[in-house]
Amino acid sequence: MNIVIPIITLIVGLVGGFFIGAYYLRKQLEKMQSNPEMLQKMAKQMGYNLNGKQMQRAQQMMKNQQLPGKAPGQSRKRK
């Protein structure tokens, strides 16, 4: 019993941490779509320097990207 409880706690913590991290990352990506300063900052951290045209292109790509759970028409039932 002294070994089982820590293992179960570790597994529950890892699973919970994964879902919390995925939720946080999704929210950050949604914020970045409407905030060009955040997008520019992320690009600089990755070693890229984006000009205006590249920024617009990156924002458009992010807006067109389907995030899980955010697909349009998902609430409609298919026959």
PDB file of N, CA and C in Angstrom:
ATOM      1  N   MET A   1       0.823  -1.188   0.000  1.00  0.00           N
ATOM      2  CA  MET A   1       0.000   0.000   0.000  1.00  0.00           C
ATOM      3  C   MET A   1       0.874   1.263   0.000  1.00  0.00           C
ATOM      4  N   ASN A   2       2.060   1.178   0.605  1.00  0.00           N
ATOM      5  CA  ASN A   2       2.956   2.331   0.645  1.00  0.00           C
ATOM      6  C   ASN A   2       3.535   2.649  -0.735  1.00  0.00           C
ATOM      7  N   ILE A   3       3.483   1.723  -1.648  1.00  0.00           N
ATOM      8  CA  ILE A   3       4.020   1.931  -2.996  1.00  0.00           C
ATOM      9  C   ILE A   3       2.905   2.307  -3.974  1.00  0.00           C
ATOM     10  N   VAL A   4       1.716   1.762  -3.772  1.00  0.00           N
ATOM     11  CA  VAL A   4       0.611   1.952  -4.707  1.00  0.00           C
ATOM     12  C   VAL A   4       0.096   3.390  -4.691  1.00  0.00           C
ATOM     13  N   ILE A   5      -0.082   3.967  -3.540  1.00  0.00           N
ATOM     14  CA  ILE A   5      -0.636   5.327  -3.436  1.00  0.00           C
ATOM     15  C   ILE A   5       0.255   6.372  -4.115  1.00  0.00           C
ATOM     16  N   PRO A   6       1.579   6.369  -3.906  1.00  0.00           N
ATOM     17  CA  PRO A   6       2.411   7.340  -4.636  1.00  0.00           C
ATOM     18  C   PRO A   6       2.378   7.151  -6.148  1.00  0.00           C
ATOM     19  N   ILE A   7       2.298   5.918  -6.613  1.00  0.00           N
ATOM     20  CA  ILE A   7       2.248   5.671  -8.056  1.00  0.00           C
ATOM     21  C   ILE A   7       0.940   6.200  -8.629  1.00  0.00           C
ATOM     22  N   ILE A   8      -0.172   5.927  -7.972  1.00  0.00           N
ATOM     23  CA  ILE A   8      -1.472   6.437  -8.429  1.00  0.00           C
ATOM     24  C   ILE A   8      -1.481   7.957  -8.394  1.00  0.00           C
ATOM     25  N   THR A   9      -0.932   8.553  -7.346  1.00  0.00           N
ATOM     26  CA  THR A   9      -0.860  10.010  -7.241  1.00  0.00           C
ATOM     27  C   THR A   9      -0.022  10.599  -8.375  1.00  0.00           C
ATOM     28  N   LEU A  10       1.073   9.957  -8.704  1.00  0.00           N
ATOM     29  CA  LEU A  10       1.927  10.416  -9.800  1.00  0.00           C
ATOM     30  C   LEU A  10       1.183  10.367 -11.133  1.00  0.00           C
ATOM     31  N   ILE A  11       0.492   9.278 -11.379  1.00  0.00           N
ATOM     32  CA  ILE A  11      -0.249   9.135 -12.639  1.00  0.00           C
ATOM     33  C   ILE A  11      -1.348  10.183 -12.735  1.00  0.00           C
ATOM     34  N   VAL A  12      -2.103  10.383 -11.665  1.00  0.00           N
ATOM     35  CA  VAL A  12      -3.171  11.389 -11.665  1.00  0.00           C
ATOM     36  C   VAL A  12      -2.578  12.788 -11.862  1.00  0.00           C
ATOM     37  N   GLY A  13      -1.452  13.064 -11.239  1.00  0.00           N
ATOM     38  CA  GLY A  13      -0.793  14.363 -11.399  1.00  0.00           C
ATOM     39  C   GLY A  13      -0.309  14.596 -12.820  1.00  0.00           C
ATOM     40  N   LEU A  14       0.258  13.586 -13.437  1.00  0.00           N
ATOM     41  CA  LEU A  14       0.727  13.718 -14.822  1.00  0.00           C
ATOM     42  C   LEU A  14      -0.431  13.948 -15.788  1.00  0.00           C
ATOM     43  N   VAL A  15      -1.502  13.186 -15.617  1.00  0.00           N
ATOM     44  CA  VAL A  15      -2.658  13.343 -16.503  1.00  0.00           C
ATOM     45  C   VAL A  15      -3.288  14.721 -16.299  1.00  0.00           C
ATOM     46  N   GLY A  16      -3.472  15.120 -15.054  1.00  0.00           N
ATOM     47  CA  GLY A  16      -4.036  16.437 -14.772  1.00  0.00           C
ATOM     48  C   GLY A  16      -3.154  17.558 -15.293  1.00  0.00           C
ATOM     49  N   GLY A  17      -1.853  17.434 -15.128  1.00  0.00           N
ATOM     50  CA  GLY A  17      -0.916  18.440 -15.622  1.00  0.00           C
ATOM     51  C   GLY A  17      -0.941  18.552 -17.133  1.00  0.00           C
ATOM     52  N   PHE A  18      -1.094  17.416 -17.805  1.00  0.00           N
ATOM     53  CA  PHE A  18      -1.170  17.436 -19.260  1.00  0.00           C
ATOM     54  C   PHE A  18      -2.389  18.222 -19.727  1.00  0.00           C
ATOM     55  N   PHE A  19      -3.550  17.933 -19.145  1.00  0.00           N
ATOM     56  CA  PHE A  19      -4.771  18.613 -19.576  1.00  0.00           C
ATOM     57  C   PHE A  19      -4.759  20.097 -19.214  1.00  0.00           C
ATOM     58  N   ILE A  20      -4.216  20.439 -18.078  1.00  0.00           N
ATOM     59  CA  ILE A  20      -4.102  21.856 -17.707  1.00  0.00           C
ATOM     60  C   ILE A  20      -3.141  22.562 -18.659  1.00  0.00           C
ATOM     61  N   GLY A  21      -2.022  21.935 -18.992  1.00  0.00           N
ATOM     62  CA  GLY A  21      -1.060  22.521 -19.929  1.00  0.00           C
ATOM     63  C   GLY A  21      -1.636  22.691 -21.321  1.00  0.00           C
ATOM     64  N   ALA A  22      -2.399  21.704 -21.794  1.00  0.00           N
ATOM     65  CA  ALA A  22      -3.023  21.797 -23.119  1.00  0.00           C
ATOM     66  C   ALA A  22      -4.046  22.922 -23.153  1.00  0.00           C
ATOM     67  N   TYR A  23      -4.823  23.061 -22.088  1.00  0.00           N
ATOM     68  CA  TYR A  23      -5.815  24.141 -22.001  1.00  0.00           C
ATOM     69  C   TYR A  23      -5.125  25.508 -22.025  1.00  0.00           C
ATOM     70  N   TYR A  24      -4.041  25.649 -21.243  1.00  0.00           N
ATOM     71  CA  TYR A  24      -3.312  26.911 -21.180  1.00  0.00           C
ATOM     72  C   TYR A  24      -2.699  27.256 -22.542  1.00  0.00           C
ATOM     73  N   LEU A  25      -2.115  26.275 -23.205  1.00  0.00           N
ATOM     74  CA  LEU A  25      -1.511  26.501 -24.519  1.00  0.00           C
ATOM     75  C   LEU A  25      -2.562  26.920 -25.541  1.00  0.00           C
ATOM     76  N   ARG A  26      -3.722  26.282 -25.522  1.00  0.00           N
ATOM     77  CA  ARG A  26      -4.800  26.642 -26.447  1.00  0.00           C
ATOM     78  C   ARG A  26      -5.251  28.081 -26.223  1.00  0.00           C
ATOM     79  N   LYS A  27      -5.380  28.487 -24.968  1.00  0.00           N
ATOM     80  CA  LYS A  27      -5.791  29.864 -24.667  1.00  0.00           C
ATOM     81  C   LYS A  27      -4.731  30.863 -25.130  1.00  0.00           C
ATOM     82  N   GLN A  28      -3.456  30.533 -24.970  1.00  0.00           N
ATOM     83  CA  GLN A  28      -2.393  31.424 -25.405  1.00  0.00           C
ATOM     84  C   GLN A  28      -2.400  31.574 -26.932  1.00  0.00           C
ATOM     85  N   LEU A  29      -2.646  30.492 -27.652  1.00  0.00           N
ATOM     86  CA  LEU A  29      -2.704  30.565 -29.108  1.00  0.00           C
ATOM     87  C   LEU A  29      -3.894  31.401 -29.567  1.00  0.00           C
ATOM     88  N   GLU A  30      -5.016  31.294 -28.870  1.00  0.00           N
ATOM     89  CA  GLU A  30      -6.179  32.105 -29.219  1.00  0.00           C
ATOM     90  C   GLU A  30      -5.898  33.587 -28.984  1.00  0.00           C
ATOM     91  N   LYS A  31      -5.197  33.903 -27.899  1.00  0.00           N
ATOM     92  CA  LYS A  31      -4.834  35.302 -27.620  1.00  0.00           C
ATOM     93  C   LYS A  31      -3.876  35.833 -28.685  1.00  0.00           C
ATOM     94  N   MET A  32      -2.947  34.980 -29.101  1.00  0.00           N
ATOM     95  CA  MET A  32      -1.928  35.394 -30.051  1.00  0.00           C
ATOM     96  C   MET A  32      -2.519  35.725 -31.421  1.00  0.00           C
ATOM     97  N   GLN A  33      -3.641  35.108 -31.765  1.00  0.00           N
ATOM     98  CA  GLN A  33      -4.270  35.365 -33.047  1.00  0.00           C
ATOM     99  C   GLN A  33      -4.690  36.821 -33.167  1.00  0.00           C
ATOM    100  N   SER A  34      -5.126  37.424 -32.068  1.00  0.00           N
ATOM    101  CA  SER A  34      -5.622  38.793 -32.125  1.00  0.00           C
ATOM    102  C   SER A  34      -4.593  39.804 -31.625  1.00  0.00           C
ATOM    103  N   ASN A  35      -3.433  39.353 -31.173  1.00  0.00           N
ATOM    104  CA  ASN A  35      -2.438  40.260 -30.614  1.00  0.00           C
ATOM    105  C   ASN A  35      -1.123  40.118 -31.389  1.00  0.00           C
ATOM    106  N   PRO A  36      -0.881  41.024 -32.344  1.00  0.00           N
ATOM    107  CA  PRO A  36       0.342  40.893 -33.154  1.00  0.00           C
ATOM    108  C   PRO A  36       1.625  41.069 -32.347  1.00  0.00           C
ATOM    109  N   GLU A  37       1.569  41.809 -31.240  1.00  0.00           N
ATOM    110  CA  GLU A  37       2.782  41.982 -30.425  1.00  0.00           C
ATOM    111  C   GLU A  37       3.229  40.654 -29.824  1.00  0.00           C
ATOM    112  N   MET A  38       2.270  39.840 -29.366  1.00  0.00           N
ATOM    113  CA  MET A  38       2.621  38.534 -28.812  1.00  0.00           C
ATOM    114  C   MET A  38       3.215  37.628 -29.890  1.00  0.00           C
ATOM    115  N   LEU A  39       2.647  37.704 -31.087  1.00  0.00           N
ATOM    116  CA  LEU A  39       3.146  36.895 -32.193  1.00  0.00           C
ATOM    117  C   LEU A  39       4.566  37.312 -32.572  1.00  0.00           C
ATOM    118  N   GLN A  40       4.810  38.613 -32.601  1.00  0.00           N
ATOM    119  CA  GLN A  40       6.143  39.133 -32.912  1.00  0.00           C
ATOM    120  C   GLN A  40       7.154  38.692 -31.848  1.00  0.00           C
ATOM    121  N   LYS A  41       6.732  38.747 -30.576  1.00  0.00           N
ATOM    122  CA  LYS A  41       7.613  38.349 -29.479  1.00  0.00           C
ATOM    123  C   LYS A  41       7.977  36.867 -29.585  1.00  0.00           C
ATOM    124  N   MET A  42       6.992  36.041 -29.896  1.00  0.00           N
ATOM    125  CA  MET A  42       7.254  34.615 -30.038  1.00  0.00           C
ATOM    126  C   MET A  42       8.209  34.353 -31.203  1.00  0.00           C
ATOM    127  N   ALA A  43       8.012  35.067 -32.307  1.00  0.00           N
ATOM    128  CA  ALA A  43       8.882  34.883 -33.472  1.00  0.00           C
ATOM    129  C   ALA A  43      10.320  35.279 -33.127  1.00  0.00           C
ATOM    130  N   LYS A  44      10.498  36.372 -32.394  1.00  0.00           N
ATOM    131  CA  LYS A  44      11.854  36.800 -32.009  1.00  0.00           C
ATOM    132  C   LYS A  44      12.514  35.780 -31.093  1.00  0.00           C
ATOM    133  N   GLN A  45      11.734  35.167 -30.191  1.00  0.00           N
ATOM    134  CA  GLN A  45      12.289  34.154 -29.304  1.00  0.00           C
ATOM    135  C   GLN A  45      12.754  32.931 -30.099  1.00  0.00           C
ATOM    136  N   MET A  46      12.100  32.682 -31.231  1.00  0.00           N
ATOM    137  CA  MET A  46      12.486  31.553 -32.075  1.00  0.00           C
ATOM    138  C   MET A  46      13.577  31.938 -33.067  1.00  0.00           C
ATOM    139  N   GLY A  47      13.991  33.198 -33.081  1.00  0.00           N
ATOM    140  CA  GLY A  47      15.076  33.625 -33.939  1.00  0.00           C
ATOM    141  C   GLY A  47      14.644  34.210 -35.270  1.00  0.00           C
ATOM    142  N   TYR A  48      13.360  34.527 -35.405  1.00  0.00           N
ATOM    143  CA  TYR A  48      12.848  35.113 -36.644  1.00  0.00           C
ATOM    144  C   TYR A  48      12.506  36.578 -36.419  1.00  0.00           C
ATOM    145  N   ASN A  49      12.705  37.385 -37.453  1.00  0.00           N
ATOM    146  CA  ASN A  49      12.314  38.785 -37.408  1.00  0.00           C
ATOM    147  C   ASN A  49      11.314  38.994 -38.545  1.00  0.00           C
ATOM    148  N   LEU A  50      10.038  39.117 -38.200  1.00  0.00           N
ATOM    149  CA  LEU A  50       8.982  39.197 -39.202  1.00  0.00           C
ATOM    150  C   LEU A  50       8.707  40.642 -39.595  1.00  0.00           C
ATOM    151  N   ASN A  51       8.553  40.879 -40.906  1.00  0.00           N
ATOM    152  CA  ASN A  51       8.131  42.201 -41.353  1.00  0.00           C
ATOM    153  C   ASN A  51       6.596  42.236 -41.393  1.00  0.00           C
ATOM    154  N   GLY A  52       6.017  43.344 -41.818  1.00  0.00           N
ATOM    155  CA  GLY A  52       4.566  43.514 -41.789  1.00  0.00           C
ATOM    156  C   GLY A  52       3.808  42.485 -42.604  1.00  0.00           C
ATOM    157  N   LYS A  53       4.306  42.194 -43.799  1.00  0.00           N
ATOM    158  CA  LYS A  53       3.630  41.233 -44.662  1.00  0.00           C
ATOM    159  C   LYS A  53       3.684  39.827 -44.061  1.00  0.00           C
ATOM    160  N   GLN A  54       4.833  39.475 -43.499  1.00  0.00           N
ATOM    161  CA  GLN A  54       4.975  38.165 -42.876  1.00  0.00           C
ATOM    162  C   GLN A  54       4.092  38.040 -41.641  1.00  0.00           C
ATOM    163  N   MET A  55       3.942  39.142 -40.888  1.00  0.00           N
ATOM    164  CA  MET A  55       3.071  39.145 -39.711  1.00  0.00           C
ATOM    165  C   MET A  55       1.626  38.881 -40.123  1.00  0.00           C
ATOM    166  N   GLN A  56       1.180  39.567 -41.176  1.00  0.00           N
ATOM    167  CA  GLN A  56      -0.191  39.374 -41.644  1.00  0.00           C
ATOM    168  C   GLN A  56      -0.407  37.934 -42.101  1.00  0.00           C
ATOM    169  N   ARG A  57       0.577  37.393 -42.782  1.00  0.00           N
ATOM    170  CA  ARG A  57       0.481  36.023 -43.272  1.00  0.00           C
ATOM    171  C   ARG A  57       0.421  35.043 -42.094  1.00  0.00           C
ATOM    172  N   ALA A  58       1.239  35.266 -41.077  1.00  0.00           N
ATOM    173  CA  ALA A  58       1.255  34.390 -39.904  1.00  0.00           C
ATOM    174  C   ALA A  58      -0.073  34.465 -39.150  1.00  0.00           C
ATOM    175  N   GLN A  59      -0.617  35.673 -39.008  1.00  0.00           N
ATOM    176  CA  GLN A  59      -1.901  35.815 -38.327  1.00  0.00           C
ATOM    177  C   GLN A  59      -3.006  35.120 -39.117  1.00  0.00           C
ATOM    178  N   GLN A  60      -2.972  35.253 -40.432  1.00  0.00           N
ATOM    179  CA  GLN A  60      -3.990  34.608 -41.263  1.00  0.00           C
ATOM    180  C   GLN A  60      -3.889  33.088 -41.143  1.00  0.00           C
ATOM    181  N   MET A  61      -2.673  32.572 -41.122  1.00  0.00           N
ATOM    182  CA  MET A  61      -2.487  31.130 -40.972  1.00  0.00           C
ATOM    183  C   MET A  61      -3.029  30.642 -39.634  1.00  0.00           C
ATOM    184  N   MET A  62      -2.800  31.408 -38.567  1.00  0.00           N
ATOM    185  CA  MET A  62      -3.288  31.025 -37.250  1.00  0.00           C
ATOM    186  C   MET A  62      -4.809  31.087 -37.189  1.00  0.00           C
ATOM    187  N   LYS A  63      -5.411  32.065 -37.863  1.00  0.00           N
ATOM    188  CA  LYS A  63      -6.872  32.162 -37.860  1.00  0.00           C
ATOM    189  C   LYS A  63      -7.494  31.018 -38.636  1.00  0.00           C
ATOM    190  N   ASN A  64      -6.838  30.570 -39.697  1.00  0.00           N
ATOM    191  CA  ASN A  64      -7.368  29.480 -40.509  1.00  0.00           C
ATOM    192  C   ASN A  64      -7.136  28.114 -39.885  1.00  0.00           C
ATOM    193  N   GLN A  65      -6.205  28.048 -38.929  1.00  0.00           N
ATOM    194  CA  GLN A  65      -5.880  26.777 -38.294  1.00  0.00           C
ATOM    195  C   GLN A  65      -7.043  26.352 -37.406  1.00  0.00           C
ATOM    196  N   GLN A  66      -7.411  25.084 -37.490  1.00  0.00           N
ATOM    197  CA  GLN A  66      -8.489  24.538 -36.681  1.00  0.00           C
ATOM    198  C   GLN A  66      -7.910  24.026 -35.370  1.00  0.00           C
ATOM    199  N   LEU A  67      -8.281  24.661 -34.254  1.00  0.00           N
ATOM    200  CA  LEU A  67      -7.880  24.152 -32.957  1.00  0.00           C
ATOM    201  C   LEU A  67      -8.855  23.055 -32.542  1.00  0.00           C
ATOM    202  N   PRO A  68      -8.385  22.019 -31.855  1.00  0.00           N
ATOM    203  CA  PRO A  68      -9.295  20.952 -31.433  1.00  0.00           C
ATOM    204  C   PRO A  68     -10.435  21.518 -30.588  1.00  0.00           C
ATOM    205  N   GLY A  69     -11.642  21.099 -30.904  1.00  0.00           N
ATOM    206  CA  GLY A  69     -12.803  21.565 -30.166  1.00  0.00           C
ATOM    207  C   GLY A  69     -13.364  22.862 -30.687  1.00  0.00           C
ATOM    208  N   LYS A  70     -12.742  23.475 -31.676  1.00  0.00           N
ATOM    209  CA  LYS A  70     -13.184  24.768 -32.192  1.00  0.00           C
ATOM    210  C   LYS A  70     -13.592  24.672 -33.662  1.00  0.00           C
ATOM    211  N   ALA A  71     -13.795  23.474 -34.171  1.00  0.00           N
ATOM    212  CA  ALA A  71     -14.121  23.312 -35.586  1.00  0.00           C
ATOM    213  C   ALA A  71     -15.503  23.871 -35.880  1.00  0.00           C
ATOM    214  N   PRO A  72     -15.626  24.656 -36.949  1.00  0.00           N
ATOM    215  CA  PRO A  72     -16.939  25.202 -37.283  1.00  0.00           C
ATOM    216  C   PRO A  72     -17.883  24.100 -37.753  1.00  0.00           C
ATOM    217  N   GLY A  73     -19.154  24.250 -37.418  1.00  0.00           N
ATOM    218  CA  GLY A  73     -20.155  23.283 -37.835  1.00  0.00           C
ATOM    219  C   GLY A  73     -20.118  21.997 -37.037  1.00  0.00           C
ATOM    220  N   GLN A  74     -19.399  22.003 -35.949  1.00  0.00           N
ATOM    221  CA  GLN A  74     -19.270  20.802 -35.161  1.00  0.00           C
ATOM    222  C   GLN A  74     -20.558  20.475 -34.411  1.00  0.00           C
ATOM    223  N   SER A  75     -21.364  21.493 -34.120  1.00  0.00           N
ATOM    224  CA  SER A  75     -22.587  21.272 -33.367  1.00  0.00           C
ATOM    225  C   SER A  75     -23.699  20.696 -34.232  1.00  0.00           C
ATOM    226  N   ARG A  76     -23.545  20.779 -35.573  1.00  0.00           N
ATOM    227  CA  ARG A  76     -24.562  20.231 -36.464  1.00  0.00           C
ATOM    228  C   ARG A  76     -24.489  18.710 -36.485  1.00  0.00           C
ATOM    229  N   LYS A  77     -25.651  18.095 -36.503  1.00  0.00           N
ATOM    230  CA  LYS A  77     -25.693  16.645 -36.587  1.00  0.00           C
ATOM    231  C   LYS A  77     -25.665  16.224 -38.051  1.00  0.00           C
ATOM    232  N   ARG A  78     -24.894  15.202 -38.326  1.00  0.00           N
ATOM    233  CA  ARG A  78     -24.796  14.690 -39.691  1.00  0.00           C
ATOM    234  C   ARG A  78     -25.767  13.528 -39.865  1.00  0.00           C
ATOM    235  N   LYS A  79     -26.302  13.424 -41.057  1.00  0.00           N
ATOM    236  CA  LYS A  79     -27.252  12.339 -41.331  1.00  0.00           C
ATOM    237  C   LYS A  79     -26.534  11.125 -41.849  1.00  0.00           C
TER     238      LYS A  79
END
